Amino acid sequence: MVLNLKKQIELQLSKERLNALELCSAVAFEREYRIFLIGGIVRDLILSSKIKDIDITVESDAILFCQKLEKEVDCEIVATQENLR
């Protein structure tokens, strides 16, 4: 099942977090990657709860996506599955 949570995202995310999500989306689109929101943010959006963090999964090489994201939008990736092991 796919939920369209665009309106909730626009209402519930801070400008900073919305900008970060839009940057991820732009890099994914440019590189032809598919990304998805996962985890607690989906629940929090549905329940209109406070959003604590944003978790994204990448349908491709997530490490490469993060490296490209850091390089292209001058940001820092705090954690990836690879460095959590």
N, C-alpha and C. Protein backbone atom coordinates (compact mmCIF):
# COMPACT_ATOMS: atom_id res chain seq x y z
N MET A 1 0.84 -1.17 0.00
CA MET A 1 0.00 0.00 0.00
C MET A 1 0.90 1.24 0.00
N VAL A 2 0.52 2.23 -0.76
CA VAL A 2 1.24 3.50 -0.82
C VAL A 2 0.32 4.59 -0.29
N LEU A 3 0.82 5.36 0.66
CA LEU A 3 0.06 6.49 1.20
C LEU A 3 0.65 7.78 0.66
N ASN A 4 -0.20 8.72 0.31
CA ASN A 4 0.27 10.03 -0.10
C ASN A 4 0.14 10.95 1.10
N LEU A 5 1.26 11.25 1.71
CA LEU A 5 1.28 12.06 2.92
C LEU A 5 1.83 13.46 2.66
N LYS A 6 1.77 13.89 1.40
CA LYS A 6 2.36 15.17 1.03
C LYS A 6 1.81 16.33 1.86
N LYS A 7 0.51 16.40 2.03
CA LYS A 7 -0.10 17.51 2.77
C LYS A 7 0.35 17.49 4.23
N GLN A 8 0.36 16.29 4.84
CA GLN A 8 0.80 16.18 6.22
C GLN A 8 2.28 16.56 6.36
N ILE A 9 3.09 16.17 5.38
CA ILE A 9 4.52 16.51 5.40
C ILE A 9 4.68 18.02 5.39
N GLU A 10 3.97 18.69 4.51
CA GLU A 10 4.08 20.15 4.41
C GLU A 10 3.62 20.84 5.69
N LEU A 11 2.61 20.27 6.36
CA LEU A 11 2.08 20.88 7.58
C LEU A 11 2.92 20.58 8.82
N GLN A 12 3.48 19.37 8.90
CA GLN A 12 4.12 18.93 10.13
C GLN A 12 5.63 19.10 10.18
N LEU A 13 6.29 19.18 9.04
CA LEU A 13 7.75 19.30 9.06
C LEU A 13 8.18 20.75 9.19
N SER A 14 9.24 20.96 9.93
CA SER A 14 9.83 22.30 10.00
C SER A 14 10.38 22.63 8.61
N LYS A 15 10.62 23.90 8.37
CA LYS A 15 11.18 24.31 7.08
C LYS A 15 12.52 23.64 6.83
N GLU A 16 13.33 23.52 7.87
CA GLU A 16 14.64 22.89 7.73
C GLU A 16 14.52 21.42 7.33
N ARG A 17 13.63 20.69 7.98
CA ARG A 17 13.44 19.27 7.66
C ARG A 17 12.78 19.08 6.30
N LEU A 18 11.84 19.96 5.98
CA LEU A 18 11.20 19.89 4.67
C LEU A 18 12.24 20.14 3.58
N ASN A 19 13.10 21.11 3.79
CA ASN A 19 14.17 21.41 2.84
C ASN A 19 15.10 20.20 2.67
N ALA A 20 15.46 19.56 3.77
CA ALA A 20 16.33 18.38 3.71
C ALA A 20 15.67 17.26 2.91
N LEU A 21 14.39 17.05 3.14
CA LEU A 21 13.66 16.02 2.42
C LEU A 21 13.57 16.35 0.93
N GLU A 22 13.34 17.61 0.61
CA GLU A 22 13.29 18.04 -0.79
C GLU A 22 14.65 17.86 -1.47
N LEU A 23 15.74 18.12 -0.76
CA LEU A 23 17.08 17.91 -1.32
C LEU A 23 17.33 16.43 -1.60
N CYS A 24 16.92 15.59 -0.67
CA CYS A 24 17.05 14.13 -0.88
C CYS A 24 16.26 13.72 -2.12
N SER A 25 15.06 14.24 -2.23
CA SER A 25 14.20 13.90 -3.36
C SER A 25 14.82 14.37 -4.67
N ALA A 26 15.38 15.57 -4.68
CA ALA A 26 15.99 16.10 -5.91
C ALA A 26 17.19 15.27 -6.35
N VAL A 27 18.03 14.89 -5.40
CA VAL A 27 19.19 14.05 -5.74
C VAL A 27 18.73 12.68 -6.22
N ALA A 28 17.73 12.12 -5.56
CA ALA A 28 17.21 10.81 -5.97
C ALA A 28 16.63 10.89 -7.38
N PHE A 29 15.89 11.92 -7.66
CA PHE A 29 15.29 12.08 -8.99
C PHE A 29 16.37 12.22 -10.06
N GLU A 30 17.35 13.05 -9.77
CA GLU A 30 18.44 13.27 -10.73
C GLU A 30 19.21 11.99 -11.02
N ARG A 31 19.40 11.17 -10.00
CA ARG A 31 20.17 9.93 -10.14
C ARG A 31 19.29 8.73 -10.48
N GLU A 32 17.99 8.97 -10.64
CA GLU A 32 17.02 7.91 -10.94
C GLU A 32 16.97 6.84 -9.85
N TYR A 33 17.07 7.28 -8.60
CA TYR A 33 16.91 6.41 -7.45
C TYR A 33 15.49 6.59 -6.93
N ARG A 34 14.95 5.56 -6.32
CA ARG A 34 13.67 5.68 -5.63
C ARG A 34 13.97 5.70 -4.14
N ILE A 35 13.40 6.68 -3.44
CA ILE A 35 13.55 6.75 -1.99
C ILE A 35 12.17 6.74 -1.35
N PHE A 36 12.13 6.26 -0.11
CA PHE A 36 10.87 6.13 0.61
C PHE A 36 11.06 6.54 2.06
N LEU A 37 10.06 7.20 2.61
CA LEU A 37 10.04 7.45 4.05
C LEU A 37 9.68 6.14 4.73
N ILE A 38 10.37 5.84 5.82
CA ILE A 38 10.09 4.62 6.58
C ILE A 38 10.11 4.94 8.07
N GLY A 39 9.64 4.01 8.85
CA GLY A 39 9.76 4.11 10.30
C GLY A 39 8.76 5.05 10.95
N GLY A 40 9.20 5.63 12.06
CA GLY A 40 8.35 6.44 12.91
C GLY A 40 7.75 7.66 12.25
N ILE A 41 8.44 8.25 11.29
CA ILE A 41 7.89 9.43 10.63
C ILE A 41 6.56 9.14 9.95
N VAL A 42 6.44 7.96 9.38
CA VAL A 42 5.18 7.61 8.70
C VAL A 42 4.06 7.54 9.73
N ARG A 43 4.32 6.88 10.83
CA ARG A 43 3.31 6.79 11.92
C ARG A 43 2.98 8.19 12.43
N ASP A 44 4.03 9.00 12.67
CA ASP A 44 3.82 10.34 13.22
C ASP A 44 3.03 11.23 12.26
N LEU A 45 3.26 11.10 10.98
CA LEU A 45 2.49 11.87 10.00
C LEU A 45 1.02 11.46 10.01
N ILE A 46 0.78 10.16 10.05
CA ILE A 46 -0.60 9.66 10.05
C ILE A 46 -1.34 10.09 11.31
N LEU A 47 -0.64 10.05 12.45
CA LEU A 47 -1.27 10.39 13.73
C LEU A 47 -1.14 11.86 14.10
N SER A 48 -0.51 12.65 13.23
CA SER A 48 -0.26 14.07 13.50
C SER A 48 0.52 14.26 14.79
N SER A 49 1.48 13.39 15.03
CA SER A 49 2.33 13.47 16.22
C SER A 49 3.60 14.26 15.90
N LYS A 50 4.34 14.61 16.95
CA LYS A 50 5.60 15.33 16.78
C LYS A 50 6.60 14.43 16.06
N ILE A 51 7.26 14.98 15.06
CA ILE A 51 8.25 14.23 14.28
C ILE A 51 9.62 14.43 14.89
N LYS A 52 10.26 13.31 15.23
CA LYS A 52 11.56 13.37 15.89
C LYS A 52 12.72 13.27 14.91
N ASP A 53 12.55 12.46 13.89
CA ASP A 53 13.61 12.30 12.89
C ASP A 53 13.01 11.81 11.59
N ILE A 54 13.84 11.78 10.57
CA ILE A 54 13.39 11.32 9.25
C ILE A 54 14.26 10.13 8.86
N ASP A 55 13.62 9.02 8.60
CA ASP A 55 14.32 7.82 8.11
C ASP A 55 13.91 7.60 6.66
N ILE A 56 14.91 7.35 5.84
CA ILE A 56 14.70 7.14 4.41
C ILE A 56 15.36 5.83 4.03
N THR A 57 14.72 5.08 3.14
CA THR A 57 15.37 3.94 2.54
C THR A 57 15.53 4.23 1.06
N VAL A 58 16.61 3.69 0.50
CA VAL A 58 16.95 3.93 -0.89
C VAL A 58 16.88 2.62 -1.65
N GLU A 59 16.16 2.63 -2.76
CA GLU A 59 16.05 1.44 -3.60
C GLU A 59 17.19 1.49 -4.62
N SER A 60 18.38 1.26 -4.13
CA SER A 60 19.61 1.28 -4.93
C SER A 60 20.76 1.20 -3.94
N ASP A 61 21.89 1.74 -4.28
CA ASP A 61 23.04 1.76 -3.40
C ASP A 61 22.93 2.95 -2.45
N ALA A 62 22.48 2.70 -1.24
CA ALA A 62 22.22 3.77 -0.27
C ALA A 62 23.50 4.51 0.11
N ILE A 63 24.59 3.79 0.23
CA ILE A 63 25.86 4.43 0.60
C ILE A 63 26.29 5.39 -0.49
N LEU A 64 26.19 4.97 -1.73
CA LEU A 64 26.53 5.85 -2.86
C LEU A 64 25.59 7.05 -2.90
N PHE A 65 24.31 6.82 -2.66
CA PHE A 65 23.33 7.91 -2.61
C PHE A 65 23.74 8.94 -1.56
N CYS A 66 24.11 8.47 -0.37
CA CYS A 66 24.51 9.38 0.71
C CYS A 66 25.77 10.15 0.35
N GLN A 67 26.72 9.48 -0.26
CA GLN A 67 27.95 10.16 -0.68
C GLN A 67 27.64 11.25 -1.70
N LYS A 68 26.77 10.94 -2.64
CA LYS A 68 26.40 11.93 -3.66
C LYS A 68 25.61 13.07 -3.04
N LEU A 69 24.75 12.75 -2.11
CA LEU A 69 23.96 13.77 -1.43
C LEU A 69 24.88 14.73 -0.67
N GLU A 70 25.82 14.17 0.08
CA GLU A 70 26.76 15.02 0.82
C GLU A 70 27.54 15.95 -0.11
N LYS A 71 27.96 15.40 -1.23
CA LYS A 71 28.77 16.18 -2.17
C LYS A 71 27.94 17.24 -2.90
N GLU A 72 26.74 16.88 -3.32
CA GLU A 72 25.94 17.77 -4.16
C GLU A 72 25.20 18.85 -3.39
N VAL A 73 24.85 18.61 -2.14
CA VAL A 73 24.08 19.60 -1.41
C VAL A 73 24.77 20.08 -0.14
N ASP A 74 26.05 19.76 0.01
CA ASP A 74 26.83 20.24 1.15
C ASP A 74 26.12 19.97 2.47
N CYS A 75 25.94 18.68 2.75
CA CYS A 75 25.31 18.28 4.00
C CYS A 75 26.12 17.18 4.63
N GLU A 76 25.76 16.80 5.84
CA GLU A 76 26.44 15.72 6.53
C GLU A 76 25.45 14.61 6.83
N ILE A 77 25.78 13.40 6.42
CA ILE A 77 24.97 12.22 6.74
C ILE A 77 25.42 11.72 8.10
N VAL A 78 24.51 11.66 9.05
CA VAL A 78 24.86 11.30 10.41
C VAL A 78 25.06 9.79 10.55
N ALA A 79 24.21 8.99 9.91
CA ALA A 79 24.31 7.55 10.04
C ALA A 79 23.76 6.87 8.79
N THR A 80 24.41 5.78 8.42
CA THR A 80 23.91 4.87 7.39
C THR A 80 23.96 3.47 7.97
N GLN A 81 23.26 2.56 7.36
CA GLN A 81 23.25 1.18 7.84
C GLN A 81 24.68 0.64 7.92
N GLU A 82 25.51 1.02 6.95
CA GLU A 82 26.89 0.52 6.91
C GLU A 82 27.67 0.91 8.16
N ASN A 83 27.54 2.17 8.62
CA ASN A 83 28.34 2.58 9.76
C ASN A 83 27.64 2.34 11.12
N LEU A 84 26.50 1.71 11.10
CA LEU A 84 25.83 1.33 12.34
C LEU A 84 26.21 -0.06 12.80
N ARG A 85 26.85 -0.81 11.93
CA ARG A 85 27.21 -2.20 12.27
C ARG A 85 28.38 -2.26 13.20
